[in-house]
Amino acid sequence: MELKKLIFAIVLTLAMACLVSTATAQKNTLVVATGFADANRLDPHLTSAGQDKTVLSWMFNGLTRIQPGEASPEFIGPDLAESWTSNPGGTEWTFKLREKVRFHHGYGELTSEDIVYSLNRAANPKTSSFSADFAAFDQVEAIDKYTVKIRLKYPIPSLLGLLSGYHGGNIVCQKAAVEMGEDFKKKPIGAGPFMFAEYKSQQLVRLIAHKQYFRGAPKLEEIIYRYISSDASRDLAFQSGEADMIFGKQEESWVQRIMRIPGAKIAVLEPAELNTLHLNMSMKPLDDIRVREAIAHAIDRQALVKFRGDTANRPAKSVVPIGYLGYNEMKLPSYDPAKSRKLLAEAGHPNGVTVKAIQSTMPALMTILEPVQEQLRKVGINLVIEPVEHATFHSQIRQNLSQVVLYQAARFPVADTYLTQFYLSDSIVGTPKAVTNFSHCKAADDEIKKARIEQDPEKQKALWKAAQRKILDDMCSVPLYESLVLWAYKDSLDLGYNLHGSLNLGPPITEATRFKK
């Protein structure tokens, strides 16, 4: 009998120990739910889609980086480069690389050859969506294994920002990219804190910790990045504990609803994405400035912001987002329906006009365009929305197939980047250097190009101001409002930094991110 009691006591003790161990085990898998239906392209030089930028930012680095949790150029510091120098004219830069930086999955050490390859790849229109950003690059040269020299045709604003882990500044593994070819966008190889492990179409991307990360092994073992396009389903996953972090809906009701969930934290991220109606001036009836002005005067920005909620939305003030270096507040066309109708009549359309917009079926974008459609309808402008899947949307608007393009975008916060990509004639869609100039705008070419090489900061800002005014005078586009990116996460998650902003549209997940015990 005593033996049976002893055995029972031992079994009970082991069982309790197991329960205690399970209860106190450190959670090491982070589940993040994005609001997109699927990945676009998992190649940092090809994709500009928000769902890709966020997850890729956890896998890749640049020569420089903006301090995690910030979005302003004032927080730029070293990343893969540990130091740099430049000549007085800002046309020659030398970067000293960190030694013993390891690529993912045994692809070896990062060297200057990988930097040369990556920056040339980013500058090539065939392999990069951001080639226009690198127009000033003359030569990228490997001086030795850990030294890179960049020669510019002319100095450019914030080169260090261009070389950060954002868009074309992301450094890829040369060996992996060459070996894989087209498959690289399915199995990307970087040197960041997390490395690609698995992709399931319309379901998830799985990342695992890069134990040899140069800043130290990540505290998280795994990230599951889930694609949940339904707002309700995503919120339910967060409430039930299936997701630890979710992409938010840019509406006041969403903020209030999530804040009622115990342990929920809301992050409102700078920089804001500017929502703009780009008017294709190469197509009738938008080739008539009076029709473009009629559209502009039919838009009530304050009503749009009120509809969306002012926690994460604010009226646009220019064609460049608020807070960018070189931004200037401009007098935008006032809300004046009577003037809209008068302009349409003067243009020969007393009974109104019809224009077409190809639009992503992604709810976050469709809910921006539908209220605009209603405002235009009231003045006799019939905006026909042609809904397509998100990847198809990006493809078709770059084929010059849409008269009106609603585009939501944040870029590196310097006016030059935004003006070049959306309003420089070199960037007109359908041309060899096409980027995102959907309006076919040419009004401010001279000012944009002169500002790039202007060494006097005040004269440079004056040129950017003049460019913004000319673009508005020609009514290339109608700035609507700016949307700050919303995310929610559990307070059990310690990000490892203070979160104020993120250029990559999602909270940085670093080697320091962990769950609290």
Protein backbone atom coordinates (compact mmCIF):
# COMPACT_ATOMS: atom_id res chain seq x y z
CA MET A 1 0.00 0.00 0.00
CA GLU A 2 2.82 2.40 0.91
CA LEU A 3 4.49 1.61 -2.41
CA LYS A 4 1.29 2.47 -4.31
CA LYS A 5 1.05 5.78 -2.43
CA LEU A 6 4.67 6.57 -3.25
CA ILE A 7 4.17 5.81 -6.96
CA PHE A 8 0.99 7.91 -7.00
CA ALA A 9 2.81 10.82 -5.36
CA ILE A 10 5.64 10.63 -7.89
CA VAL A 11 3.22 10.53 -10.84
CA LEU A 12 1.24 13.44 -9.39
CA THR A 13 4.41 15.47 -8.88
CA LEU A 14 5.57 14.84 -12.46
CA ALA A 15 2.15 15.73 -13.81
CA MET A 16 2.09 19.00 -11.87
CA ALA A 17 5.60 19.82 -13.02
CA CYS A 18 4.54 19.23 -16.61
CA LEU A 19 1.53 21.50 -16.17
CA VAL A 20 3.65 24.24 -14.62
CA SER A 21 6.22 23.89 -17.38
CA THR A 22 3.51 24.13 -20.05
CA ALA A 23 1.90 27.11 -18.38
CA THR A 24 5.17 29.02 -18.09
CA ALA A 25 6.66 27.98 -21.45
CA GLN A 26 7.81 30.98 -23.42
CA LYS A 27 5.66 31.71 -26.48
CA ASN A 28 7.99 31.92 -29.49
CA THR A 29 5.70 32.01 -32.53
CA LEU A 30 4.30 35.36 -33.64
CA VAL A 31 1.13 35.24 -35.77
CA VAL A 32 0.53 38.34 -37.88
CA ALA A 33 -2.61 38.80 -40.01
CA THR A 34 -2.53 41.20 -42.96
CA GLY A 35 -5.56 42.56 -44.78
CA PHE A 36 -4.56 41.28 -48.21
CA ALA A 37 -5.74 38.13 -49.95
CA ASP A 38 -2.31 36.92 -51.02
CA ALA A 39 1.31 37.83 -51.64
CA ASN A 40 2.18 39.78 -54.76
CA ARG A 41 5.91 39.23 -55.38
CA LEU A 42 8.32 38.32 -52.59
CA ASP A 43 11.20 40.18 -54.22
CA PRO A 44 12.15 43.46 -52.51
CA HIS A 45 13.22 45.09 -55.80
CA LEU A 46 10.04 44.24 -57.67
CA THR A 47 7.19 44.73 -55.24
CA SER A 48 5.68 47.96 -54.02
CA ALA A 49 2.60 46.27 -52.55
CA GLY A 50 2.08 46.87 -48.85
CA GLN A 51 1.51 43.24 -47.96
CA ASP A 52 4.91 42.34 -49.38
CA LYS A 53 6.90 45.28 -48.03
CA THR A 54 5.96 44.48 -44.46
CA VAL A 55 7.03 40.83 -44.47
CA LEU A 56 10.12 41.47 -46.64
CA SER A 57 11.33 44.11 -44.18
CA TRP A 58 11.80 41.31 -41.62
CA MET A 59 14.06 39.42 -44.06
CA PHE A 60 16.23 42.10 -45.66
CA ASN A 61 18.61 44.91 -44.73
CA GLY A 62 20.05 47.94 -46.46
CA LEU A 63 23.44 49.59 -46.16
CA THR A 64 21.68 51.98 -43.79
CA ARG A 65 18.49 51.80 -41.80
CA ILE A 66 16.03 54.08 -40.09
CA GLN A 67 15.92 53.25 -36.39
CA PRO A 68 13.16 50.67 -35.73
CA GLY A 69 9.91 52.38 -34.81
CA GLU A 70 10.72 55.62 -36.64
CA ALA A 71 10.04 56.89 -40.17
CA SER A 72 11.95 60.17 -40.42
CA PRO A 73 15.32 60.52 -42.21
CA GLU A 74 16.74 62.11 -39.06
CA PHE A 75 16.91 58.60 -37.54
CA ILE A 76 19.14 57.07 -40.25
CA GLY A 77 22.06 55.02 -38.98
CA PRO A 78 24.30 52.07 -39.94
CA ASP A 79 22.97 48.68 -41.00
CA LEU A 80 25.03 46.43 -43.29
CA ALA A 81 27.48 49.31 -43.59
CA GLU A 82 29.17 50.20 -40.33
CA SER A 83 30.47 53.59 -41.57
CA TRP A 84 30.72 55.82 -44.65
CA THR A 85 32.38 58.96 -45.99
CA SER A 86 31.69 61.25 -48.95
CA ASN A 87 33.50 63.89 -50.96
CA PRO A 88 32.53 67.57 -50.42
CA GLY A 89 30.31 67.63 -53.50
CA GLY A 90 28.30 64.57 -52.44
CA THR A 91 29.02 62.70 -55.68
CA GLU A 92 31.32 60.00 -54.32
CA TRP A 93 30.48 57.84 -51.31
CA THR A 94 32.55 55.07 -49.71
CA PHE A 95 30.91 52.49 -47.46
CA LYS A 96 32.73 50.17 -45.08
CA LEU A 97 30.76 46.94 -44.57
CA ARG A 98 30.32 44.89 -41.45
CA GLU A 99 32.33 41.69 -41.52
CA LYS A 100 30.92 38.18 -41.01
CA VAL A 101 27.34 39.05 -41.98
CA ARG A 102 25.70 35.76 -43.00
CA PHE A 103 23.00 35.23 -45.61
CA HIS A 104 20.09 32.90 -44.94
CA HIS A 105 20.08 29.15 -45.50
CA GLY A 106 23.84 28.70 -45.74
CA TYR A 107 24.39 31.09 -48.66
CA GLY A 108 27.58 32.38 -47.09
CA GLU A 109 29.00 35.72 -46.11
CA LEU A 110 27.85 39.06 -47.45
CA THR A 111 30.58 40.92 -49.33
CA SER A 112 30.94 44.07 -51.41
CA GLU A 113 30.10 42.02 -54.52
CA ASP A 114 26.58 41.47 -53.16
CA ILE A 115 26.18 45.21 -52.65
CA VAL A 116 27.32 45.97 -56.20
CA TYR A 117 25.00 43.31 -57.60
CA SER A 118 22.01 44.46 -55.52
CA LEU A 119 22.30 48.16 -56.36
CA ASN A 120 22.81 47.46 -60.07
CA ARG A 121 19.80 45.13 -59.93
CA ALA A 122 17.75 47.86 -58.24
CA ALA A 123 18.76 50.33 -60.96
CA ASN A 124 17.76 48.00 -63.82
CA PRO A 125 14.15 48.50 -65.08
CA LYS A 126 14.01 44.80 -66.01
CA THR A 127 14.66 43.66 -62.45
CA SER A 128 13.35 46.55 -60.37
CA SER A 129 10.23 48.63 -59.87
CA PHE A 130 12.39 51.40 -58.41
CA SER A 131 14.96 51.90 -61.16
CA ALA A 132 14.06 55.59 -61.55
CA ASP A 133 15.27 56.21 -57.99
CA PHE A 134 18.77 55.22 -59.11
CA ALA A 135 19.00 57.41 -62.22
CA ALA A 136 21.83 59.43 -60.66
CA PHE A 137 24.01 56.36 -60.11
CA ASP A 138 27.06 56.34 -62.36
CA GLN A 139 29.03 53.41 -60.94
CA VAL A 140 28.98 51.05 -57.97
CA GLU A 141 32.39 49.49 -57.37
CA ALA A 142 33.78 46.86 -55.00
CA ILE A 143 37.06 48.30 -53.72
CA ASP A 144 37.81 45.25 -51.61
CA LYS A 145 35.84 42.52 -49.85
CA TYR A 146 34.30 44.93 -47.36
CA THR A 147 34.45 48.32 -49.12
CA VAL A 148 32.03 49.74 -51.71
CA LYS A 149 32.31 53.01 -53.61
CA ILE A 150 29.28 54.69 -55.19
CA ARG A 151 29.83 57.40 -57.81
CA LEU A 152 26.90 59.65 -58.70
CA LYS A 153 26.32 61.72 -61.83
CA TYR A 154 25.01 64.44 -59.53
CA PRO A 155 24.23 64.64 -55.82
CA ILE A 156 20.76 63.48 -54.80
CA PRO A 157 18.64 64.32 -51.76
CA SER A 158 19.09 61.85 -48.95
CA LEU A 159 21.19 59.18 -50.63
CA LEU A 160 21.44 57.47 -47.25
CA GLY A 161 17.66 57.06 -47.22
CA LEU A 162 17.70 55.55 -50.69
CA LEU A 163 20.20 52.97 -49.42
CA SER A 164 18.12 51.99 -46.40
CA GLY A 165 16.20 48.70 -46.15
CA TYR A 166 13.32 50.07 -48.15
CA HIS A 167 12.39 49.40 -51.78
CA GLY A 168 15.50 49.33 -53.99
CA GLY A 169 17.84 49.77 -51.04
CA ASN A 170 17.30 46.19 -49.86
CA ILE A 171 20.39 44.01 -50.33
CA VAL A 172 19.87 40.56 -51.86
CA CYS A 173 22.21 37.58 -52.04
CA GLN A 174 23.85 37.57 -55.47
CA LYS A 175 24.46 33.82 -55.52
CA ALA A 176 20.85 33.01 -54.63
CA ALA A 177 19.34 35.53 -57.06
CA VAL A 178 21.47 34.30 -59.97
CA GLU A 179 20.90 30.61 -59.21
CA MET A 180 17.15 30.92 -58.70
CA GLY A 181 16.29 33.40 -61.44
CA GLU A 182 12.51 33.81 -61.56
CA ASP A 183 12.14 31.57 -58.52
CA PHE A 184 13.90 34.13 -56.32
CA LYS A 185 10.61 35.98 -55.79
CA LYS A 186 9.18 32.75 -54.38
CA LYS A 187 12.15 31.94 -52.10
CA PRO A 188 13.87 35.23 -51.23
CA ILE A 189 17.30 35.20 -49.57
CA GLY A 190 18.45 38.11 -47.45
CA ALA A 191 20.52 38.64 -44.33
CA GLY A 192 17.82 39.94 -41.95
CA PRO A 193 16.71 38.57 -38.58
CA PHE A 194 14.17 36.18 -40.12
CA MET A 195 14.44 33.93 -43.14
CA PHE A 196 11.91 32.52 -45.57
CA ALA A 197 10.65 29.02 -44.80
CA GLU A 198 7.34 28.44 -46.55
CA TYR A 199 4.66 30.05 -48.71
CA LYS A 200 1.10 28.77 -49.12
CA SER A 201 -0.94 30.59 -51.75
CA GLN A 202 -3.67 32.79 -50.25
CA GLN A 203 -2.87 31.41 -46.80
CA LEU A 204 0.47 32.37 -45.31
CA VAL A 205 4.18 33.02 -45.42
CA ARG A 206 6.20 31.35 -42.69
CA LEU A 207 9.52 32.76 -41.51
CA ILE A 208 12.00 31.25 -39.07
CA ALA A 209 14.70 32.83 -36.96
CA HIS A 210 18.07 33.53 -38.60
CA LYS A 211 20.27 32.27 -35.77
CA GLN A 212 23.42 33.77 -37.33
CA TYR A 213 21.96 37.28 -37.59
CA PHE A 214 24.74 39.80 -37.02
CA ARG A 215 22.85 41.64 -34.28
CA GLY A 216 22.22 38.39 -32.42
CA ALA A 217 19.84 35.45 -32.70
CA PRO A 218 16.17 36.57 -32.65
CA LYS A 219 14.19 35.89 -29.50
CA LEU A 220 11.23 34.70 -31.61
CA GLU A 221 11.57 31.32 -33.29
CA GLU A 222 8.94 31.76 -35.98
CA ILE A 223 6.59 34.26 -37.66
CA ILE A 224 3.39 33.16 -39.38
CA TYR A 225 2.21 35.91 -41.74
CA ARG A 226 -1.41 35.12 -42.59
CA TYR A 227 -3.48 36.53 -45.46
CA ILE A 228 -6.98 37.37 -44.16
CA SER A 229 -8.69 39.90 -46.43
CA SER A 230 -11.96 39.90 -44.46
CA ASP A 231 -11.88 42.61 -41.80
CA ALA A 232 -14.35 40.70 -39.63
CA SER A 233 -12.37 37.46 -39.85
CA ARG A 234 -9.12 39.25 -39.05
CA ASP A 235 -10.64 40.98 -36.03
CA LEU A 236 -12.10 37.69 -34.81
CA ALA A 237 -8.70 36.01 -35.11
CA PHE A 238 -7.22 38.77 -32.97
CA GLN A 239 -9.99 38.64 -30.38
CA SER A 240 -9.80 34.85 -30.08
CA GLY A 241 -6.02 34.86 -29.73
CA GLU A 242 -5.34 33.15 -33.07
CA ALA A 243 -3.44 36.26 -34.20
CA ASP A 244 -1.12 38.37 -32.07
CA MET A 245 -0.95 41.32 -34.46
CA ILE A 246 -3.34 42.46 -37.19
CA PHE A 247 -3.51 45.06 -39.94
CA GLY A 248 -6.24 47.54 -39.11
CA LYS A 249 -9.14 49.14 -40.88
CA GLN A 250 -8.71 52.90 -41.29
CA GLU A 251 -12.03 53.73 -39.70
CA GLU A 252 -12.93 55.19 -36.31
CA SER A 253 -15.38 52.38 -35.57
CA TRP A 254 -12.57 49.82 -35.95
CA VAL A 255 -10.36 51.69 -33.47
CA GLN A 256 -13.13 51.86 -30.88
CA ARG A 257 -14.06 48.21 -31.36
CA ILE A 258 -10.49 46.91 -31.01
CA MET A 259 -9.80 49.04 -27.93
CA ARG A 260 -12.56 47.17 -26.12
CA ILE A 261 -10.62 43.90 -26.48
CA PRO A 262 -8.64 43.21 -23.28
CA GLY A 263 -4.89 43.59 -23.79
CA ALA A 264 -5.17 45.29 -27.20
CA LYS A 265 -2.83 48.10 -28.24
CA ILE A 266 -3.37 50.33 -31.28
CA ALA A 267 -0.43 51.63 -33.34
CA VAL A 268 -0.92 54.62 -35.65
CA LEU A 269 2.06 54.70 -38.01
CA GLU A 270 3.72 57.55 -39.89
CA PRO A 271 4.32 58.26 -42.69
CA ALA A 272 0.78 58.57 -43.92
CA GLU A 273 -0.27 57.11 -47.25
CA LEU A 274 -1.61 59.83 -49.54
CA ASN A 275 -4.79 58.85 -51.38
CA THR A 276 -4.78 60.56 -54.77
CA LEU A 277 -7.00 60.50 -57.86
CA HIS A 278 -4.62 60.51 -60.83
CA LEU A 279 -6.35 61.85 -63.95
CA ASN A 280 -5.09 60.40 -67.23
CA MET A 281 -4.64 63.48 -69.40
CA SER A 282 -3.87 61.37 -72.46
CA MET A 283 -7.48 60.15 -72.61
CA LYS A 284 -10.71 62.01 -73.43
CA PRO A 285 -12.49 63.72 -71.74
CA LEU A 286 -9.67 64.20 -69.22
CA ASP A 287 -7.46 65.86 -71.84
CA ASP A 288 -9.60 68.97 -71.16
CA ILE A 289 -8.41 70.75 -68.01
CA ARG A 290 -11.96 71.98 -67.37
CA VAL A 291 -13.13 68.40 -66.89
CA ARG A 292 -10.21 67.72 -64.55
CA GLU A 293 -11.03 70.85 -62.57
CA ALA A 294 -14.69 69.83 -62.44
CA ILE A 295 -13.66 66.55 -60.81
CA ALA A 296 -11.48 68.43 -58.32
CA HIS A 297 -14.26 70.83 -57.27
CA ALA A 298 -16.69 67.92 -56.79
CA ILE A 299 -14.54 66.40 -54.04
CA ASP A 300 -15.35 67.18 -50.40
CA ARG A 301 -12.19 66.20 -48.49
CA GLN A 302 -13.59 66.98 -45.07
CA ALA A 303 -16.57 64.71 -45.68
CA LEU A 304 -14.27 61.89 -46.76
CA VAL A 305 -12.18 62.27 -43.59
CA LYS A 306 -15.31 62.41 -41.43
CA PHE A 307 -16.56 59.23 -43.10
CA ARG A 308 -13.27 57.43 -42.41
CA GLY A 309 -12.60 58.91 -38.97
CA ASP A 310 -9.92 61.38 -37.91
CA THR A 311 -7.86 59.05 -35.70
CA ALA A 312 -6.01 57.78 -38.74
CA ASN A 313 -7.05 60.17 -41.53
CA ARG A 314 -6.42 63.85 -42.36
CA PRO A 315 -7.20 66.04 -45.41
CA ALA A 316 -4.50 66.27 -48.07
CA LYS A 317 -2.70 69.60 -48.30
CA SER A 318 -0.60 69.07 -51.43
CA VAL A 319 0.42 66.51 -54.03
CA VAL A 320 3.27 65.58 -51.65
CA PRO A 321 2.36 64.05 -48.26
CA ILE A 322 2.50 66.16 -45.11
CA GLY A 323 5.81 66.06 -43.27
CA TYR A 324 8.04 65.08 -46.21
CA LEU A 325 11.21 67.12 -46.64
CA GLY A 326 10.19 69.69 -49.27
CA TYR A 327 6.43 69.46 -48.59
CA ASN A 328 4.51 72.72 -48.90
CA GLU A 329 0.90 73.31 -47.96
CA MET A 330 -0.96 74.37 -51.09
CA LYS A 331 -4.35 75.90 -51.82
CA LEU A 332 -6.26 72.94 -53.22
CA PRO A 333 -9.45 73.28 -55.30
CA SER A 334 -12.38 74.02 -52.99
CA TYR A 335 -15.47 71.88 -52.72
CA ASP A 336 -17.86 73.66 -55.10
CA PRO A 337 -20.45 71.46 -56.89
CA ALA A 338 -21.93 74.45 -58.75
CA LYS A 339 -18.53 75.30 -60.20
CA SER A 340 -18.08 71.65 -61.22
CA ARG A 341 -21.30 71.69 -63.23
CA LYS A 342 -20.39 75.04 -64.81
CA LEU A 343 -16.97 73.75 -65.88
CA LEU A 344 -18.49 70.61 -67.38
CA ALA A 345 -20.95 72.72 -69.39
CA GLU A 346 -18.15 74.98 -70.62
CA ALA A 347 -16.25 71.89 -71.73
CA GLY A 348 -19.23 70.77 -73.82
CA HIS A 349 -20.68 68.25 -71.34
CA PRO A 350 -23.85 69.87 -69.94
CA ASN A 351 -25.31 66.42 -69.30
CA GLY A 352 -22.21 65.15 -67.56
CA VAL A 353 -19.42 62.72 -68.47
CA THR A 354 -18.46 59.11 -67.85
CA VAL A 355 -14.95 58.02 -66.85
CA LYS A 356 -13.60 54.61 -65.89
CA ALA A 357 -11.46 53.55 -62.95
CA ILE A 358 -9.89 50.12 -62.64
CA GLN A 359 -9.88 49.40 -58.93
CA SER A 360 -8.58 46.73 -56.58
CA THR A 361 -11.22 44.61 -54.88
CA MET A 362 -9.27 44.95 -51.65
CA PRO A 363 -11.84 46.38 -49.20
CA ALA A 364 -9.44 48.99 -47.80
CA LEU A 365 -9.11 50.56 -51.26
CA MET A 366 -12.66 50.03 -52.52
CA THR A 367 -14.07 51.85 -49.50
CA ILE A 368 -11.98 54.89 -50.45
CA LEU A 369 -13.19 55.07 -54.04
CA GLU A 370 -16.89 54.39 -53.50
CA PRO A 371 -17.58 57.60 -51.48
CA VAL A 372 -15.65 59.54 -54.15
CA GLN A 373 -17.84 57.91 -56.79
CA GLU A 374 -20.93 59.15 -54.93
CA GLN A 375 -19.59 62.71 -54.66
CA LEU A 376 -18.83 62.81 -58.39
CA ARG A 377 -22.26 61.43 -59.25
CA LYS A 378 -23.91 64.44 -57.62
CA VAL A 379 -22.40 66.79 -60.22
CA GLY A 380 -23.04 64.56 -63.23
CA ILE A 381 -19.73 62.71 -63.38
CA ASN A 382 -20.34 58.98 -63.74
CA LEU A 383 -17.31 57.14 -62.38
CA VAL A 384 -17.55 53.54 -63.56
CA ILE A 385 -15.56 51.28 -61.24
CA GLU A 386 -14.12 48.14 -62.82
CA PRO A 387 -13.12 45.86 -59.91
CA VAL A 388 -10.18 43.48 -60.32
CA GLU A 389 -8.00 41.40 -58.01
CA HIS A 390 -5.24 43.44 -56.34
CA ALA A 391 -2.29 42.09 -58.34
CA THR A 392 -4.27 42.57 -61.58
CA PHE A 393 -5.02 46.14 -60.52
CA HIS A 394 -1.32 46.92 -60.20
CA SER A 395 -0.64 45.32 -63.56
CA GLN A 396 -3.43 47.01 -65.51
CA ILE A 397 -2.97 50.54 -64.23
CA ARG A 398 0.66 50.30 -65.36
CA GLN A 399 -0.56 49.36 -68.83
CA ASN A 400 -2.33 52.72 -69.18
CA LEU A 401 -5.78 51.09 -69.15
CA SER A 402 -7.52 53.32 -66.60
CA GLN A 403 -8.76 56.88 -67.08
CA VAL A 404 -8.77 57.50 -63.33
CA VAL A 405 -6.39 55.78 -60.92
CA LEU A 406 -6.92 55.92 -57.18
CA TYR A 407 -3.48 55.24 -55.72
CA GLN A 408 -2.59 55.07 -52.06
CA ALA A 409 1.11 55.47 -51.40
CA ALA A 410 3.81 56.34 -48.92
CA ARG A 411 7.38 56.76 -50.09
CA PHE A 412 10.70 57.68 -48.54
CA PRO A 413 9.77 61.05 -46.96
CA VAL A 414 11.62 63.40 -49.31
CA ALA A 415 9.63 65.37 -51.91
CA ASP A 416 11.96 64.30 -54.73
CA THR A 417 10.93 60.65 -54.44
CA TYR A 418 7.20 61.35 -54.60
CA LEU A 419 7.46 63.97 -57.33
CA THR A 420 9.74 61.80 -59.47
CA GLN A 421 7.66 58.65 -59.26
CA PHE A 422 4.24 60.22 -59.77
CA TYR A 423 4.77 63.42 -61.77
CA LEU A 424 8.01 63.31 -63.79
CA SER A 425 7.51 62.60 -67.51
CA ASP A 426 10.25 59.94 -67.38
CA SER A 427 7.94 57.95 -65.09
CA ILE A 428 4.84 57.96 -67.31
CA VAL A 429 3.31 54.49 -67.46
CA GLY A 430 3.93 52.69 -70.73
CA THR A 431 7.32 54.34 -71.28
CA PRO A 432 10.74 52.64 -70.91
CA LYS A 433 11.34 54.16 -67.45
CA ALA A 434 7.73 53.85 -66.36
CA VAL A 435 7.01 54.01 -62.65
CA THR A 436 3.70 55.42 -61.41
CA ASN A 437 2.99 58.59 -63.39
CA PHE A 438 -0.58 57.56 -64.23
CA SER A 439 -1.68 61.08 -65.16
CA HIS A 440 0.96 61.60 -67.88
CA CYS A 441 1.94 64.78 -66.06
CA LYS A 442 4.84 66.83 -67.46
CA ALA A 443 4.11 70.19 -65.85
CA ALA A 444 6.99 70.30 -63.36
CA ASP A 445 9.80 68.39 -65.12
CA ASP A 446 12.17 71.35 -65.02
CA GLU A 447 11.72 72.06 -61.31
CA ILE A 448 11.93 68.39 -60.28
CA LYS A 449 15.18 67.86 -62.19
CA LYS A 450 16.78 71.12 -61.03
CA ALA A 451 15.91 70.40 -57.39
CA ARG A 452 17.83 67.11 -57.51
CA ILE A 453 21.16 68.79 -58.21
CA GLU A 454 20.59 72.01 -56.24
CA GLN A 455 23.12 72.19 -53.39
CA ASP A 456 21.52 75.12 -51.57
CA PRO A 457 18.81 73.58 -49.29
CA GLU A 458 16.60 76.68 -49.43
CA LYS A 459 16.73 76.92 -53.21
CA GLN A 460 16.02 73.22 -53.40
CA LYS A 461 12.92 73.61 -51.24
CA ALA A 462 11.79 76.54 -53.39
CA LEU A 463 12.03 74.37 -56.51
CA TRP A 464 10.01 71.61 -54.84
CA LYS A 465 7.39 74.18 -53.85
CA ALA A 466 7.18 75.47 -57.42
CA ALA A 467 6.83 71.90 -58.72
CA GLN A 468 3.89 71.21 -56.41
CA ARG A 469 2.17 74.40 -57.54
CA LYS A 470 2.63 73.62 -61.25
CA ILE A 471 1.27 70.08 -60.85
CA LEU A 472 -1.85 71.43 -59.16
CA ASP A 473 -2.27 74.24 -61.68
CA ASP A 474 -2.28 71.64 -64.46
CA MET A 475 -4.68 69.51 -62.39
CA CYS A 476 -2.67 66.33 -62.97
CA SER A 477 -4.26 64.77 -59.94
CA VAL A 478 -6.65 65.41 -57.09
CA PRO A 479 -5.13 64.81 -53.63
CA LEU A 480 -7.90 63.45 -51.38
CA TYR A 481 -6.74 62.65 -47.88
CA GLU A 482 -3.92 60.93 -46.01
CA SER A 483 -4.34 57.65 -44.18
CA LEU A 484 -2.04 56.69 -41.36
CA VAL A 485 -1.51 52.96 -41.14
CA LEU A 486 -3.29 51.22 -38.26
CA TRP A 487 -2.17 48.01 -36.60
CA ALA A 488 -3.28 46.30 -33.41
CA TYR A 489 -1.18 43.99 -31.28
CA LYS A 490 -1.39 42.27 -27.91
CA ASP A 491 0.25 43.94 -24.93
CA SER A 492 1.93 40.60 -24.20
CA LEU A 493 4.20 41.36 -27.16
CA ASP A 494 7.32 43.41 -26.46
CA LEU A 495 8.40 44.91 -29.78
CA GLY A 496 11.80 45.89 -28.40
CA TYR A 497 11.47 49.58 -29.30
CA ASN A 498 8.95 52.46 -29.17
CA LEU A 499 6.68 52.36 -32.23
CA HIS A 500 5.98 55.70 -33.94
CA GLY A 501 6.30 54.88 -37.61
CA SER A 502 7.53 52.50 -40.30
CA LEU A 503 8.37 53.12 -43.95
CA ASN A 504 7.47 49.52 -44.74
CA LEU A 505 3.87 49.98 -43.53
CA GLY A 506 4.07 47.41 -40.75
CA PRO A 507 5.70 47.22 -37.32
CA PRO A 508 9.35 46.13 -37.57
CA ILE A 509 9.92 42.68 -36.10
CA THR A 510 13.53 42.61 -34.96
CA GLU A 511 15.88 40.29 -33.14
CA ALA A 512 14.72 41.94 -29.89
CA THR A 513 10.98 41.36 -30.40
CA ARG A 514 9.63 38.83 -27.91
CA PHE A 515 6.65 37.79 -25.85
CA LYS A 516 6.72 38.81 -22.22
CA LYS A 517 6.93 36.00 -19.70
